């Protein structure tokens, strides 16, 4: 009699492939998702910093305009001396 020897050895199928897939997802998928989430977070944060810089520049321009407006007005407090 000829002994029955498998031609390819133990070829994974069915549940073994599912387990291998789960291990691959845990090893490679989770770190990739975490890196992608970090990149998205940093991108959104940098966009908000640019928007904040624009808002700050607008506010500084408004403050400067108001200072010039106040400097141009005659100072009514100098002439009003109520003796206080």
N, C-alpha and C. Protein backbone atom coordinates (compact mmCIF):
# COMPACT_ATOMS: atom_id res chain seq x y z
N UNK A 1 0.81 -1.18 0.00
CA UNK A 1 0.00 0.00 0.00
C UNK A 1 0.86 1.26 0.00
N UNK A 2 0.33 2.27 -0.64
CA UNK A 2 1.02 3.55 -0.73
C UNK A 2 0.49 4.44 0.39
N UNK A 3 1.39 5.00 1.19
CA UNK A 3 0.90 5.89 2.25
C UNK A 3 0.32 7.17 1.65
N UNK A 4 -0.72 7.64 2.28
CA UNK A 4 -1.36 8.86 1.77
C UNK A 4 -0.66 10.07 2.40
N UNK A 5 0.05 10.77 1.55
CA UNK A 5 0.76 11.97 1.97
C UNK A 5 0.16 13.13 1.19
N UNK A 6 -0.25 14.16 1.90
CA UNK A 6 -0.80 15.30 1.17
C UNK A 6 0.25 15.92 0.25
N UNK A 7 -0.18 16.38 -0.90
CA UNK A 7 0.74 16.92 -1.89
C UNK A 7 1.28 18.29 -1.47
N UNK A 8 0.48 19.08 -0.79
CA UNK A 8 0.90 20.44 -0.44
C UNK A 8 1.07 20.66 1.05
N UNK A 9 0.83 19.73 1.86
CA UNK A 9 0.90 19.94 3.28
C UNK A 9 -0.42 20.52 3.77
N UNK A 10 -0.38 21.13 4.89
CA UNK A 10 -1.60 21.71 5.46
C UNK A 10 -1.92 23.05 4.85
N UNK A 11 -2.84 23.11 3.94
CA UNK A 11 -3.27 24.36 3.31
C UNK A 11 -4.41 24.93 4.13
N UNK A 12 -4.26 26.18 4.61
CA UNK A 12 -5.34 26.74 5.41
C UNK A 12 -6.58 27.02 4.56
N UNK A 13 -7.72 26.78 5.16
CA UNK A 13 -8.98 27.05 4.48
C UNK A 13 -10.02 27.35 5.54
N UNK A 14 -11.04 28.02 5.15
CA UNK A 14 -12.17 28.28 6.04
C UNK A 14 -11.79 29.08 7.27
N UNK A 15 -11.97 28.50 8.45
CA UNK A 15 -11.73 29.23 9.70
C UNK A 15 -10.27 29.70 9.86
N UNK A 16 -9.34 28.93 9.33
CA UNK A 16 -7.94 29.34 9.43
C UNK A 16 -7.69 30.65 8.68
N UNK A 17 -8.29 30.78 7.51
CA UNK A 17 -8.13 32.02 6.74
C UNK A 17 -8.77 33.20 7.45
N UNK A 18 -9.88 32.98 8.13
CA UNK A 18 -10.53 34.06 8.89
C UNK A 18 -9.62 34.50 10.03
N UNK A 19 -9.01 33.56 10.71
CA UNK A 19 -8.11 33.90 11.81
C UNK A 19 -6.89 34.66 11.28
N UNK A 20 -6.33 34.20 10.17
CA UNK A 20 -5.19 34.90 9.56
C UNK A 20 -5.59 36.31 9.15
N UNK A 21 -6.77 36.48 8.59
CA UNK A 21 -7.26 37.80 8.19
C UNK A 21 -7.41 38.71 9.41
N UNK A 22 -7.95 38.19 10.49
CA UNK A 22 -8.12 39.00 11.71
C UNK A 22 -6.76 39.43 12.25
N UNK A 23 -5.79 38.52 12.25
CA UNK A 23 -4.45 38.86 12.74
C UNK A 23 -3.81 39.93 11.84
N UNK A 24 -3.97 39.82 10.54
CA UNK A 24 -3.41 40.82 9.62
C UNK A 24 -4.07 42.18 9.82
N UNK A 25 -5.36 42.19 10.03
CA UNK A 25 -6.07 43.45 10.27
C UNK A 25 -5.57 44.09 11.56
N UNK A 26 -5.39 43.30 12.61
CA UNK A 26 -4.90 43.84 13.87
C UNK A 26 -3.46 44.33 13.76
N UNK A 27 -2.64 43.62 13.02
CA UNK A 27 -1.23 44.01 12.89
C UNK A 27 -1.03 45.23 11.99
N UNK A 28 -1.76 45.28 10.89
CA UNK A 28 -1.51 46.33 9.91
C UNK A 28 -2.65 47.35 9.80
N UNK A 29 -3.88 46.93 9.97
CA UNK A 29 -5.02 47.82 9.77
C UNK A 29 -5.17 48.85 10.88
N UNK A 30 -5.06 48.43 12.13
CA UNK A 30 -5.25 49.36 13.25
C UNK A 30 -4.19 50.46 13.24
N UNK A 31 -2.90 50.15 13.08
CA UNK A 31 -1.92 51.25 13.03
C UNK A 31 -2.15 52.19 11.85
N UNK A 32 -2.56 51.67 10.71
CA UNK A 32 -2.82 52.53 9.55
C UNK A 32 -4.00 53.46 9.83
N UNK A 33 -5.03 52.94 10.47
CA UNK A 33 -6.19 53.77 10.82
C UNK A 33 -5.78 54.83 11.82
N UNK A 34 -4.96 54.49 12.81
CA UNK A 34 -4.51 55.47 13.80
C UNK A 34 -3.65 56.55 13.16
N UNK A 35 -2.79 56.16 12.25
CA UNK A 35 -1.96 57.15 11.56
C UNK A 35 -2.83 58.07 10.71
N UNK A 36 -3.80 57.51 10.00
CA UNK A 36 -4.70 58.31 9.17
C UNK A 36 -5.51 59.27 10.04
N UNK A 37 -5.98 58.80 11.19
CA UNK A 37 -6.74 59.68 12.10
C UNK A 37 -5.85 60.81 12.61
N UNK A 38 -4.59 60.52 12.91
CA UNK A 38 -3.67 61.56 13.35
C UNK A 38 -3.43 62.60 12.27
N UNK A 39 -3.27 62.15 11.04
CA UNK A 39 -3.06 63.08 9.93
C UNK A 39 -4.28 63.97 9.73
N UNK A 40 -5.46 63.39 9.78
CA UNK A 40 -6.70 64.17 9.62
C UNK A 40 -6.84 65.17 10.76
N UNK A 41 -6.54 64.75 11.99
CA UNK A 41 -6.63 65.65 13.14
C UNK A 41 -5.67 66.83 12.98
N UNK A 42 -4.44 66.55 12.60
CA UNK A 42 -3.47 67.63 12.42
C UNK A 42 -3.84 68.55 11.27
N UNK A 43 -4.41 68.00 10.21
CA UNK A 43 -4.84 68.82 9.08
C UNK A 43 -5.97 69.76 9.49
N UNK A 44 -6.94 69.22 10.22
CA UNK A 44 -8.05 70.06 10.68
C UNK A 44 -7.57 71.12 11.65
N UNK A 45 -6.62 70.76 12.50
CA UNK A 45 -6.10 71.70 13.47
C UNK A 45 -5.33 72.82 12.77
N UNK A 46 -4.55 72.49 11.75
CA UNK A 46 -3.79 73.51 11.04
C UNK A 46 -4.73 74.44 10.27
N UNK A 47 -5.83 73.90 9.74
CA UNK A 47 -6.81 74.75 9.06
C UNK A 47 -7.44 75.73 10.03
N UNK A 48 -7.73 75.29 11.24
CA UNK A 48 -8.35 76.19 12.21
C UNK A 48 -7.36 77.25 12.67
N UNK A 49 -6.05 76.92 12.71
CA UNK A 49 -5.06 77.92 13.07
C UNK A 49 -4.98 79.02 12.02
N UNK A 50 -5.10 78.65 10.75
CA UNK A 50 -5.10 79.65 9.68
C UNK A 50 -6.32 80.55 9.80
N UNK A 51 -7.47 79.96 10.12
CA UNK A 51 -8.68 80.75 10.28
C UNK A 51 -8.54 81.67 11.49
N UNK A 52 -7.93 81.17 12.56
CA UNK A 52 -7.71 82.01 13.73
C UNK A 52 -6.77 83.16 13.41
N UNK A 53 -5.74 82.89 12.63
CA UNK A 53 -4.80 83.95 12.25
C UNK A 53 -5.51 85.02 11.42
N UNK A 54 -6.41 84.62 10.53
CA UNK A 54 -7.18 85.60 9.75
C UNK A 54 -8.08 86.43 10.65
N UNK A 55 -8.73 85.77 11.60
CA UNK A 55 -9.62 86.50 12.53
C UNK A 55 -8.82 87.47 13.38
N UNK A 56 -7.65 87.06 13.84
CA UNK A 56 -6.81 87.94 14.66
C UNK A 56 -6.36 89.14 13.84
N UNK A 57 -5.97 88.92 12.59
CA UNK A 57 -5.56 90.03 11.74
C UNK A 57 -6.72 91.00 11.51
N UNK A 58 -7.93 90.50 11.31
CA UNK A 58 -9.09 91.37 11.14
C UNK A 58 -9.36 92.17 12.41
N UNK A 59 -9.26 91.53 13.56
CA UNK A 59 -9.49 92.23 14.82
C UNK A 59 -8.42 93.29 15.07
N UNK A 60 -7.18 92.98 14.75
CA UNK A 60 -6.11 93.97 14.93
C UNK A 60 -6.33 95.17 14.02
N UNK A 61 -6.79 94.93 12.79
CA UNK A 61 -7.08 96.03 11.88
C UNK A 61 -8.23 96.88 12.41
N UNK A 62 -9.24 96.22 12.97
CA UNK A 62 -10.38 96.96 13.55
C UNK A 62 -9.94 97.79 14.75
N UNK A 63 -9.10 97.24 15.60
CA UNK A 63 -8.61 97.99 16.76
C UNK A 63 -7.80 99.19 16.30
N UNK A 64 -6.96 99.01 15.31
CA UNK A 64 -6.17 100.13 14.80
C UNK A 64 -7.07 101.21 14.21
N UNK A 65 -8.10 100.80 13.48
CA UNK A 65 -9.03 101.77 12.92
C UNK A 65 -9.74 102.54 14.02
N UNK A 66 -10.15 101.85 15.07
CA UNK A 66 -10.83 102.51 16.18
C UNK A 66 -9.89 103.44 16.94
N UNK A 67 -8.63 103.06 17.08
CA UNK A 67 -7.66 103.95 17.74
C UNK A 67 -7.47 105.22 16.94
N UNK A 68 -7.37 105.08 15.61
CA UNK A 68 -7.22 106.27 14.78
C UNK A 68 -8.47 107.14 14.86
N UNK A 69 -9.63 106.52 14.93
CA UNK A 69 -10.88 107.27 15.03
C UNK A 69 -10.94 108.02 16.35
N UNK A 70 -10.52 107.41 17.42
CA UNK A 70 -10.53 108.06 18.73
C UNK A 70 -9.49 109.17 18.77
N UNK A 71 -8.33 108.96 18.16
CA UNK A 71 -7.29 109.99 18.14
C UNK A 71 -7.72 111.20 17.33
N UNK A 72 -8.54 111.02 16.30
CA UNK A 72 -8.99 112.11 15.45
C UNK A 72 -10.08 112.95 16.12
N UNK A 73 -10.83 112.39 17.07
CA UNK A 73 -11.90 113.14 17.73
C UNK A 73 -11.31 114.11 18.74
N UNK A 74 -11.92 115.28 18.86
CA UNK A 74 -11.46 116.20 19.90
C UNK A 74 -11.76 115.60 21.27
N UNK A 75 -10.83 115.78 22.18
CA UNK A 75 -10.98 115.19 23.50
C UNK A 75 -11.88 116.07 24.34
N UNK A 76 -13.09 115.63 24.62
CA UNK A 76 -14.06 116.43 25.38
C UNK A 76 -13.78 116.38 26.87
N UNK A 77 -12.96 115.48 27.34
CA UNK A 77 -12.67 115.38 28.77
C UNK A 77 -11.73 116.48 29.24
N UNK A 78 -10.90 117.04 28.36
CA UNK A 78 -9.94 118.07 28.77
C UNK A 78 -10.65 119.35 29.21
N UNK A 79 -11.72 119.73 28.54
CA UNK A 79 -12.41 120.97 28.86
C UNK A 79 -13.42 120.83 29.97
N UNK A 80 -13.86 119.67 30.31
CA UNK A 80 -14.85 119.45 31.34
C UNK A 80 -14.15 119.18 32.67
N UNK A 81 -14.02 120.24 33.45
CA UNK A 81 -13.39 120.07 34.77
C UNK A 81 -14.45 120.39 35.81
N UNK A 82 -14.97 119.36 36.42
CA UNK A 82 -16.04 119.55 37.40
C UNK A 82 -15.49 119.71 38.81
N UNK A 83 -14.21 119.83 38.95
CA UNK A 83 -13.61 120.03 40.25
C UNK A 83 -13.44 118.73 41.03
N UNK A 84 -13.48 117.63 40.36
CA UNK A 84 -13.31 116.36 41.05
C UNK A 84 -11.89 115.94 41.12
